[in-house]
Amino acid sequence: MNRIKEVLEEKGIKQTWLAEKIGKSFSQTNAYVCNRRQPSLKQLFEIAKILNVDVKNLI
């Protein structure tokens, strides 16, 4: 389980924006956000960097 959805909501960021920034499709990003799939550790660190949060805030 990850907290990507919560962090996006806290920051007022849309999933489409995140998808564009990480170079993934909206459906792939949505799967991460809704916890249907988990991003790789590398991807999780990239998401944390893009969202300007510590990776610990995403797990």
PDB file of N, CA and C in Angstrom:
ATOM      1  N   MET A   1       0.842  -1.184   0.000  1.00  0.00           N
ATOM      2  CA  MET A   1       0.000   0.000   0.000  1.00  0.00           C
ATOM      3  C   MET A   1       0.887   1.247   0.000  1.00  0.00           C
ATOM      4  N   ASN A   2       0.444   2.236  -0.740  1.00  0.00           N
ATOM      5  CA  ASN A   2       1.180   3.495  -0.755  1.00  0.00           C
ATOM      6  C   ASN A   2       0.222   4.650  -0.475  1.00  0.00           C
ATOM      7  N   ARG A   3       0.795   5.809  -0.258  1.00  0.00           N
ATOM      8  CA  ARG A   3       0.016   6.998   0.079  1.00  0.00           C
ATOM      9  C   ARG A   3       0.060   8.051  -1.025  1.00  0.00           C
ATOM     10  N   ILE A   4       0.277   7.629  -2.245  1.00  0.00           N
ATOM     11  CA  ILE A   4       0.383   8.589  -3.344  1.00  0.00           C
ATOM     12  C   ILE A   4      -0.900   9.413  -3.454  1.00  0.00           C
ATOM     13  N   LYS A   5      -2.037   8.759  -3.355  1.00  0.00           N
ATOM     14  CA  LYS A   5      -3.318   9.461  -3.481  1.00  0.00           C
ATOM     15  C   LYS A   5      -3.451  10.563  -2.433  1.00  0.00           C
ATOM     16  N   GLU A   6      -3.120  10.237  -1.198  1.00  0.00           N
ATOM     17  CA  GLU A   6      -3.233  11.216  -0.117  1.00  0.00           C
ATOM     18  C   GLU A   6      -2.317  12.414  -0.350  1.00  0.00           C
ATOM     19  N   VAL A   7      -1.091  12.138  -0.783  1.00  0.00           N
ATOM     20  CA  VAL A   7      -0.141  13.228  -1.024  1.00  0.00           C
ATOM     21  C   VAL A   7      -0.610  14.100  -2.188  1.00  0.00           C
ATOM     22  N   LEU A   8      -1.113  13.481  -3.240  1.00  0.00           N
ATOM     23  CA  LEU A   8      -1.638  14.262  -4.367  1.00  0.00           C
ATOM     24  C   LEU A   8      -2.778  15.167  -3.901  1.00  0.00           C
ATOM     25  N   GLU A   9      -3.678  14.621  -3.094  1.00  0.00           N
ATOM     26  CA  GLU A   9      -4.809  15.414  -2.599  1.00  0.00           C
ATOM     27  C   GLU A   9      -4.335  16.553  -1.704  1.00  0.00           C
ATOM     28  N   GLU A  10      -3.369  16.266  -0.826  1.00  0.00           N
ATOM     29  CA  GLU A  10      -2.835  17.301   0.066  1.00  0.00           C
ATOM     30  C   GLU A  10      -2.227  18.452  -0.724  1.00  0.00           C
ATOM     31  N   LYS A  11      -1.577  18.119  -1.826  1.00  0.00           N
ATOM     32  CA  LYS A  11      -0.890  19.130  -2.624  1.00  0.00           C
ATOM     33  C   LYS A  11      -1.756  19.699  -3.743  1.00  0.00           C
ATOM     34  N   GLY A  12      -2.946  19.152  -3.918  1.00  0.00           N
ATOM     35  CA  GLY A  12      -3.834  19.637  -4.967  1.00  0.00           C
ATOM     36  C   GLY A  12      -3.331  19.325  -6.370  1.00  0.00           C
ATOM     37  N   ILE A  13      -2.682  18.179  -6.511  1.00  0.00           N
ATOM     38  CA  ILE A  13      -2.099  17.782  -7.793  1.00  0.00           C
ATOM     39  C   ILE A  13      -2.962  16.698  -8.426  1.00  0.00           C
ATOM     40  N   LYS A  14      -3.159  16.811  -9.725  1.00  0.00           N
ATOM     41  CA  LYS A  14      -3.971  15.841 -10.461  1.00  0.00           C
ATOM     42  C   LYS A  14      -3.123  14.658 -10.922  1.00  0.00           C
ATOM     43  N   GLN A  15      -3.773  13.524 -11.037  1.00  0.00           N
ATOM     44  CA  GLN A  15      -3.093  12.313 -11.499  1.00  0.00           C
ATOM     45  C   GLN A  15      -2.542  12.485 -12.911  1.00  0.00           C
ATOM     46  N   THR A  16      -3.250  13.222 -13.744  1.00  0.00           N
ATOM     47  CA  THR A  16      -2.782  13.420 -15.121  1.00  0.00           C
ATOM     48  C   THR A  16      -1.443  14.154 -15.142  1.00  0.00           C
ATOM     49  N   TRP A  17      -1.277  15.119 -14.247  1.00  0.00           N
ATOM     50  CA  TRP A  17      -0.016  15.856 -14.151  1.00  0.00           C
ATOM     51  C   TRP A  17       1.106  14.912 -13.739  1.00  0.00           C
ATOM     52  N   LEU A  18       0.836  14.096 -12.723  1.00  0.00           N
ATOM     53  CA  LEU A  18       1.846  13.147 -12.253  1.00  0.00           C
ATOM     54  C   LEU A  18       2.198  12.154 -13.352  1.00  0.00           C
ATOM     55  N   ALA A  19       1.195  11.659 -14.054  1.00  0.00           N
ATOM     56  CA  ALA A  19       1.439  10.701 -15.140  1.00  0.00           C
ATOM     57  C   ALA A  19       2.385  11.297 -16.179  1.00  0.00           C
ATOM     58  N   GLU A  20       2.155  12.545 -16.523  1.00  0.00           N
ATOM     59  CA  GLU A  20       3.008  13.220 -17.505  1.00  0.00           C
ATOM     60  C   GLU A  20       4.438  13.349 -16.976  1.00  0.00           C
ATOM     61  N   LYS A  21       4.576  13.705 -15.716  1.00  0.00           N
ATOM     62  CA  LYS A  21       5.904  13.913 -15.124  1.00  0.00           C
ATOM     63  C   LYS A  21       6.704  12.619 -15.007  1.00  0.00           C
ATOM     64  N   ILE A  22       6.029  11.506 -14.724  1.00  0.00           N
ATOM     65  CA  ILE A  22       6.764  10.245 -14.563  1.00  0.00           C
ATOM     66  C   ILE A  22       6.836   9.450 -15.863  1.00  0.00           C
ATOM     67  N   GLY A  23       6.193   9.966 -16.901  1.00  0.00           N
ATOM     68  CA  GLY A  23       6.271   9.306 -18.199  1.00  0.00           C
ATOM     69  C   GLY A  23       5.498   8.003 -18.281  1.00  0.00           C
ATOM     70  N   LYS A  24       4.418   7.921 -17.527  1.00  0.00           N
ATOM     71  CA  LYS A  24       3.561   6.731 -17.547  1.00  0.00           C
ATOM     72  C   LYS A  24       2.181   7.132 -18.042  1.00  0.00           C
ATOM     73  N   SER A  25       1.438   6.155 -18.501  1.00  0.00           N
ATOM     74  CA  SER A  25       0.072   6.434 -18.942  1.00  0.00           C
ATOM     75  C   SER A  25      -0.786   6.792 -17.732  1.00  0.00           C
ATOM     76  N   PHE A  26      -1.914   7.437 -18.021  1.00  0.00           N
ATOM     77  CA  PHE A  26      -2.830   7.759 -16.930  1.00  0.00           C
ATOM     78  C   PHE A  26      -3.297   6.484 -16.238  1.00  0.00           C
ATOM     79  N   SER A  27      -3.594   5.445 -17.010  1.00  0.00           N
ATOM     80  CA  SER A  27      -4.114   4.211 -16.401  1.00  0.00           C
ATOM     81  C   SER A  27      -3.077   3.561 -15.487  1.00  0.00           C
ATOM     82  N   GLN A  28      -1.811   3.608 -15.876  1.00  0.00           N
ATOM     83  CA  GLN A  28      -0.748   3.055 -15.023  1.00  0.00           C
ATOM     84  C   GLN A  28      -0.617   3.884 -13.745  1.00  0.00           C
ATOM     85  N   THR A  29      -0.622   5.189 -13.901  1.00  0.00           N
ATOM     86  CA  THR A  29      -0.519   6.076 -12.739  1.00  0.00           C
ATOM     87  C   THR A  29      -1.719   5.900 -11.823  1.00  0.00           C
ATOM     88  N   ASN A  30      -2.898   5.788 -12.410  1.00  0.00           N
ATOM     89  CA  ASN A  30      -4.107   5.581 -11.622  1.00  0.00           C
ATOM     90  C   ASN A  30      -4.034   4.269 -10.843  1.00  0.00           C
ATOM     91  N   ALA A  31      -3.446   3.251 -11.439  1.00  0.00           N
ATOM     92  CA  ALA A  31      -3.281   1.970 -10.740  1.00  0.00           C
ATOM     93  C   ALA A  31      -2.371   2.139  -9.523  1.00  0.00           C
ATOM     94  N   TYR A  32      -1.330   2.963  -9.650  1.00  0.00           N
ATOM     95  CA  TYR A  32      -0.461   3.258  -8.504  1.00  0.00           C
ATOM     96  C   TYR A  32      -1.247   4.010  -7.432  1.00  0.00           C
ATOM     97  N   VAL A  33      -1.961   5.039  -7.863  1.00  0.00           N
ATOM     98  CA  VAL A  33      -2.686   5.910  -6.937  1.00  0.00           C
ATOM     99  C   VAL A  33      -3.772   5.136  -6.186  1.00  0.00           C
ATOM    100  N   CYS A  34      -4.443   4.234  -6.874  1.00  0.00           N
ATOM    101  CA  CYS A  34      -5.536   3.468  -6.264  1.00  0.00           C
ATOM    102  C   CYS A  34      -5.067   2.161  -5.629  1.00  0.00           C
ATOM    103  N   ASN A  35      -3.762   1.962  -5.600  1.00  0.00           N
ATOM    104  CA  ASN A  35      -3.160   0.781  -4.977  1.00  0.00           C
ATOM    105  C   ASN A  35      -3.559  -0.534  -5.634  1.00  0.00           C
ATOM    106  N   ARG A  36      -3.892  -0.483  -6.915  1.00  0.00           N
ATOM    107  CA  ARG A  36      -4.124  -1.729  -7.646  1.00  0.00           C
ATOM    108  C   ARG A  36      -2.795  -2.341  -8.071  1.00  0.00           C
ATOM    109  N   ARG A  37      -1.809  -1.482  -8.275  1.00  0.00           N
ATOM    110  CA  ARG A  37      -0.445  -1.902  -8.590  1.00  0.00           C
ATOM    111  C   ARG A  37       0.493  -1.041  -7.760  1.00  0.00           C
ATOM    112  N   GLN A  38       1.669  -1.572  -7.489  1.00  0.00           N
ATOM    113  CA  GLN A  38       2.653  -0.813  -6.727  1.00  0.00           C
ATOM    114  C   GLN A  38       3.814  -0.428  -7.635  1.00  0.00           C
ATOM    115  N   PRO A  39       4.243   0.825  -7.537  1.00  0.00           N
ATOM    116  CA  PRO A  39       5.399   1.237  -8.342  1.00  0.00           C
ATOM    117  C   PRO A  39       6.663   0.550  -7.834  1.00  0.00           C
ATOM    118  N   SER A  40       7.631   0.429  -8.717  1.00  0.00           N
ATOM    119  CA  SER A  40       8.923  -0.111  -8.289  1.00  0.00           C
ATOM    120  C   SER A  40       9.540   0.866  -7.294  1.00  0.00           C
ATOM    121  N   LEU A  41      10.530   0.407  -6.584  1.00  0.00           N
ATOM    122  CA  LEU A  41      11.204   1.273  -5.623  1.00  0.00           C
ATOM    123  C   LEU A  41      11.814   2.480  -6.328  1.00  0.00           C
ATOM    124  N   LYS A  42      12.406   2.234  -7.480  1.00  0.00           N
ATOM    125  CA  LYS A  42      12.985   3.328  -8.269  1.00  0.00           C
ATOM    126  C   LYS A  42      11.900   4.336  -8.654  1.00  0.00           C
ATOM    127  N   GLN A  43      10.762   3.829  -9.104  1.00  0.00           N
ATOM    128  CA  GLN A  43       9.651   4.699  -9.497  1.00  0.00           C
ATOM    129  C   GLN A  43       9.115   5.467  -8.291  1.00  0.00           C
ATOM    130  N   LEU A  44       9.055   4.812  -7.142  1.00  0.00           N
ATOM    131  CA  LEU A  44       8.569   5.462  -5.930  1.00  0.00           C
ATOM    132  C   LEU A  44       9.476   6.632  -5.537  1.00  0.00           C
ATOM    133  N   PHE A  45      10.787   6.433  -5.650  1.00  0.00           N
ATOM    134  CA  PHE A  45      11.726   7.520  -5.356  1.00  0.00           C
ATOM    135  C   PHE A  45      11.557   8.664  -6.354  1.00  0.00           C
ATOM    136  N   GLU A  46      11.316   8.329  -7.614  1.00  0.00           N
ATOM    137  CA  GLU A  46      11.096   9.359  -8.635  1.00  0.00           C
ATOM    138  C   GLU A  46       9.826  10.157  -8.329  1.00  0.00           C
ATOM    139  N   ILE A  47       8.769   9.463  -7.943  1.00  0.00           N
ATOM    140  CA  ILE A  47       7.509  10.131  -7.600  1.00  0.00           C
ATOM    141  C   ILE A  47       7.718  11.048  -6.397  1.00  0.00           C
ATOM    142  N   ALA A  48       8.436  10.566  -5.398  1.00  0.00           N
ATOM    143  CA  ALA A  48       8.708  11.381  -4.211  1.00  0.00           C
ATOM    144  C   ALA A  48       9.462  12.652  -4.592  1.00  0.00           C
ATOM    145  N   LYS A  49      10.444  12.512  -5.466  1.00  0.00           N
ATOM    146  CA  LYS A  49      11.222  13.676  -5.900  1.00  0.00           C
ATOM    147  C   LYS A  49      10.332  14.671  -6.638  1.00  0.00           C
ATOM    148  N   ILE A  50       9.503  14.175  -7.534  1.00  0.00           N
ATOM    149  CA  ILE A  50       8.607  15.040  -8.305  1.00  0.00           C
ATOM    150  C   ILE A  50       7.620  15.760  -7.390  1.00  0.00           C
ATOM    151  N   LEU A  51       7.118  15.044  -6.384  1.00  0.00           N
ATOM    152  CA  LEU A  51       6.139  15.634  -5.464  1.00  0.00           C
ATOM    153  C   LEU A  51       6.799  16.431  -4.341  1.00  0.00           C
ATOM    154  N   ASN A  52       8.125  16.419  -4.335  1.00  0.00           N
ATOM    155  CA  ASN A  52       8.889  17.156  -3.326  1.00  0.00           C
ATOM    156  C   ASN A  52       8.538  16.703  -1.905  1.00  0.00           C
ATOM    157  N   VAL A  53       8.513  15.383  -1.726  1.00  0.00           N
ATOM    158  CA  VAL A  53       8.275  14.807  -0.402  1.00  0.00           C
ATOM    159  C   VAL A  53       9.311  13.719  -0.154  1.00  0.00           C
ATOM    160  N   ASP A  54       9.499  13.387   1.095  1.00  0.00           N
ATOM    161  CA  ASP A  54      10.360  12.264   1.446  1.00  0.00           C
ATOM    162  C   ASP A  54       9.639  10.985   1.033  1.00  0.00           C
ATOM    163  N   VAL A  55      10.383  10.042   0.529  1.00  0.00           N
ATOM    164  CA  VAL A  55       9.773   8.788   0.077  1.00  0.00           C
ATOM    165  C   VAL A  55       8.999   8.114   1.212  1.00  0.00           C
ATOM    166  N   LYS A  56       9.400   8.352   2.444  1.00  0.00           N
ATOM    167  CA  LYS A  56       8.693   7.778   3.599  1.00  0.00           C
ATOM    168  C   LYS A  56       7.247   8.256   3.665  1.00  0.00           C
ATOM    169  N   ASN A  57       6.976   9.432   3.122  1.00  0.00           N
ATOM    170  CA  ASN A  57       5.606   9.956   3.121  1.00  0.00           C
ATOM    171  C   ASN A  57       4.707   9.227   2.133  1.00  0.00           C
ATOM    172  N   LEU A  58       5.308   8.450   1.248  1.00  0.00           N
ATOM    173  CA  LEU A  58       4.524   7.742   0.239  1.00  0.00           C
ATOM    174  C   LEU A  58       4.242   6.292   0.624  1.00  0.00           C
ATOM    175  N   ILE A  59       4.856   5.835   1.703  1.00  0.00           N
ATOM    176  CA  ILE A  59       4.642   4.436   2.101  1.00  0.00           C
ATOM    177  C   ILE A  59       4.008   4.338   3.470  1.00  0.00           C
TER     178      ILE A  59
END
